[in-house]
């Protein structure tokens, strides 16, 4: 292993990087190795056609790893989360896999993040904003590029952060 933490990435976070064609920021991330559950991949397949080719390419070239939810504990947690009918299958699978494997969870949906915290008090959760801040801190992105990505998310993806600029969150 290369010292990076395994992160199960939910559709909500994954789509943000696929939409701006920046899977490289996930692939080359110095802190994290990203794993996509089959259920999250299926959500992209079913609901995000324009990003599907990018996801297929990322999985084929190893930028992202795909993994199923097969272990009994993960399946039980998945079923318990799904039974509430508050979360989609991608969120349920991502939470179940992250908790079951002791991985970090990357998720932007606030309701799903709250349910994940209820499922495990020790679960570490990151979101798109935190991933970008860490990429800036690690020298993989500059603030101007991060802000341009943020602006594209707001304009084209209906994903809005509560900051005007990433400069508010990092010391340059």
Protein backbone atom coordinates (compact mmCIF):
# COMPACT_ATOMS: atom_id res chain seq x y z
CA UNK A 1 0.00 0.00 0.00
CA UNK A 2 1.16 3.53 -0.69
CA UNK A 3 0.22 5.09 2.67
CA UNK A 4 -2.97 6.73 1.46
CA UNK A 5 -6.23 6.18 3.33
CA UNK A 6 -8.95 4.20 1.57
CA UNK A 7 -12.00 6.39 1.02
CA UNK A 8 -15.39 5.14 -0.08
CA UNK A 9 -16.69 7.94 -2.29
CA UNK A 10 -20.43 8.44 -2.61
CA UNK A 11 -22.12 9.57 -5.79
CA UNK A 12 -22.65 13.10 -4.44
CA UNK A 13 -18.92 13.73 -4.16
CA UNK A 14 -17.87 11.63 -7.13
CA UNK A 15 -20.16 13.53 -9.53
CA UNK A 16 -18.57 16.84 -8.58
CA UNK A 17 -15.18 15.71 -9.87
CA UNK A 18 -16.59 13.84 -12.88
CA UNK A 19 -18.69 16.86 -13.93
CA UNK A 20 -15.64 19.13 -14.24
CA UNK A 21 -13.49 16.35 -15.76
CA UNK A 22 -11.05 16.37 -12.84
CA UNK A 23 -10.83 12.70 -11.90
CA UNK A 24 -7.08 13.34 -11.86
CA UNK A 25 -7.59 15.09 -8.52
CA UNK A 26 -8.95 11.86 -7.10
CA UNK A 27 -6.44 9.60 -8.85
CA UNK A 28 -3.39 11.65 -7.83
CA UNK A 29 -4.63 12.59 -4.38
CA UNK A 30 -1.69 12.18 -1.98
CA UNK A 31 -3.92 11.47 1.03
CA UNK A 32 -6.65 9.21 -0.30
CA UNK A 33 -7.29 6.19 -2.51
CA UNK A 34 -10.89 6.33 -3.71
CA UNK A 35 -13.22 3.33 -3.89
CA UNK A 36 -16.63 3.47 -5.59
CA UNK A 37 -19.32 0.98 -4.64
CA UNK A 38 -21.25 -0.81 -7.36
CA UNK A 39 -24.37 0.99 -6.15
CA UNK A 40 -22.76 4.43 -6.56
CA UNK A 41 -21.57 3.44 -10.04
CA UNK A 42 -25.12 2.36 -10.88
CA UNK A 43 -26.44 5.77 -9.76
CA UNK A 44 -24.03 7.45 -12.16
CA UNK A 45 -25.14 5.03 -14.88
CA UNK A 46 -28.83 5.70 -14.22
CA UNK A 47 -28.81 9.45 -13.54
CA UNK A 48 -25.62 11.10 -14.81
CA UNK A 49 -25.20 10.06 -18.42
CA UNK A 50 -22.76 12.82 -19.37
CA UNK A 51 -20.36 11.71 -16.62
CA UNK A 52 -20.67 7.98 -17.26
CA UNK A 53 -17.88 7.79 -19.87
CA UNK A 54 -15.52 9.59 -17.50
CA UNK A 55 -16.37 7.16 -14.71
CA UNK A 56 -15.88 4.14 -16.97
CA UNK A 57 -12.50 5.49 -18.06
CA UNK A 58 -11.47 6.20 -14.44
CA UNK A 59 -12.38 2.65 -13.42
CA UNK A 60 -10.68 1.11 -16.46
CA UNK A 61 -7.40 2.96 -15.94
CA UNK A 62 -7.32 2.41 -12.17
CA UNK A 63 -7.91 6.03 -11.17
CA UNK A 64 -10.80 4.72 -9.08
CA UNK A 65 -11.45 1.27 -7.69
CA UNK A 66 -14.87 -0.35 -7.76
CA UNK A 67 -16.00 -2.59 -4.95
CA UNK A 68 -19.20 -4.35 -4.06
CA UNK A 69 -20.95 -4.59 -0.73
CA UNK A 70 -20.69 -8.32 -0.03
CA UNK A 71 -19.59 -8.89 3.56
CA UNK A 72 -22.40 -9.88 5.90
CA UNK A 73 -21.92 -6.89 8.22
CA UNK A 74 -21.93 -4.50 5.30
CA UNK A 75 -25.05 -6.11 3.85
CA UNK A 76 -26.83 -5.90 7.20
CA UNK A 77 -25.91 -2.22 7.58
CA UNK A 78 -26.96 -1.56 3.98
CA UNK A 79 -30.35 -3.19 4.62
CA UNK A 80 -30.85 -1.26 7.85
CA UNK A 81 -30.06 2.06 6.17
CA UNK A 82 -32.19 1.25 3.12
CA UNK A 83 -35.16 0.29 5.30
CA UNK A 84 -35.47 3.89 6.51
CA UNK A 85 -36.17 5.00 2.91
CA UNK A 86 -34.29 8.24 3.67
CA UNK A 87 -31.23 7.42 1.57
CA UNK A 88 -30.57 6.16 -1.91
CA UNK A 89 -28.82 2.87 -2.62
CA UNK A 90 -25.50 4.59 -3.40
CA UNK A 91 -25.50 6.37 -0.07
CA UNK A 92 -26.51 3.22 1.82
CA UNK A 93 -23.78 1.19 0.12
CA UNK A 94 -21.11 3.86 0.58
CA UNK A 95 -21.88 4.24 4.28
CA UNK A 96 -22.08 0.48 4.83
CA UNK A 97 -18.76 -0.12 3.07
CA UNK A 98 -16.94 2.73 4.83
CA UNK A 99 -18.17 1.71 8.27
CA UNK A 100 -17.63 -2.00 7.66
CA UNK A 101 -14.10 -1.55 6.36
CA UNK A 102 -13.02 1.24 8.69
CA UNK A 103 -12.50 3.56 5.73
CA UNK A 104 -13.03 7.27 5.37
CA UNK A 105 -16.35 8.25 3.77
CA UNK A 106 -16.51 11.02 1.12
CA UNK A 107 -20.05 12.36 0.95
CA UNK A 108 -21.72 15.74 0.45
CA UNK A 109 -25.35 14.96 1.19
CA UNK A 110 -26.03 16.35 4.68
CA UNK A 111 -28.80 13.90 5.60
CA UNK A 112 -26.67 10.95 4.51
CA UNK A 113 -23.66 12.28 6.44
CA UNK A 114 -25.81 12.57 9.56
CA UNK A 115 -27.01 8.96 9.14
CA UNK A 116 -23.40 7.86 8.62
CA UNK A 117 -22.36 9.52 11.88
CA UNK A 118 -25.22 7.72 13.63
CA UNK A 119 -24.01 4.43 12.15
CA UNK A 120 -20.49 4.93 13.51
CA UNK A 121 -19.23 7.49 15.98
CA UNK A 122 -15.64 6.88 14.81
CA UNK A 123 -16.30 7.22 11.08
CA UNK A 124 -14.22 9.94 9.43
CA UNK A 125 -16.21 11.91 6.85
CA UNK A 126 -14.84 14.27 4.23
CA UNK A 127 -16.71 16.26 1.62
CA UNK A 128 -15.86 17.90 -1.67
CA UNK A 129 -14.86 21.17 -0.02
CA UNK A 130 -12.48 19.47 2.40
CA UNK A 131 -10.91 17.39 -0.38
CA UNK A 132 -10.25 20.55 -2.41
CA UNK A 133 -8.84 22.41 0.61
CA UNK A 134 -6.46 19.51 1.27
CA UNK A 135 -5.42 19.46 -2.40
CA UNK A 136 -4.55 23.16 -2.12
CA UNK A 137 -2.63 22.52 1.11
CA UNK A 138 -0.77 19.67 -0.59
CA UNK A 139 0.21 21.84 -3.57
CA UNK A 140 -1.89 19.92 -6.10
CA UNK A 141 -4.18 22.88 -6.80
CA UNK A 142 -3.80 26.62 -6.47
CA UNK A 143 -6.61 28.77 -5.12
CA UNK A 144 -7.39 30.32 -8.52
CA UNK A 145 -7.88 26.90 -10.13
CA UNK A 146 -9.92 25.67 -7.17
CA UNK A 147 -12.11 28.78 -7.40
CA UNK A 148 -12.61 28.23 -11.12
CA UNK A 149 -13.74 24.66 -10.41
CA UNK A 150 -16.06 25.95 -7.66
CA UNK A 151 -17.54 28.49 -10.08
CA UNK A 152 -18.17 25.76 -12.66
CA UNK A 153 -19.91 23.62 -10.03
CA UNK A 154 -22.17 26.54 -9.15
CA UNK A 155 -22.89 27.49 -12.77
CA UNK A 156 -23.27 24.06 -14.35
CA UNK A 157 -23.86 21.52 -11.60
CA UNK A 158 -26.10 23.20 -9.04
CA UNK A 159 -23.44 22.49 -6.40
CA UNK A 160 -22.84 25.58 -4.30
CA UNK A 161 -20.34 25.97 -1.50
CA UNK A 162 -20.92 28.51 1.26
CA UNK A 163 -17.66 30.30 0.52
CA UNK A 164 -16.80 33.00 -1.98
CA UNK A 165 -13.28 31.66 -2.46
CA UNK A 166 -11.11 28.84 -1.21
CA UNK A 167 -8.72 31.55 -0.05
CA UNK A 168 -11.06 31.91 2.94
CA UNK A 169 -10.14 28.38 4.04
CA UNK A 170 -6.41 28.15 3.33
CA UNK A 171 -3.45 30.30 4.14
CA UNK A 172 -1.49 31.05 1.01
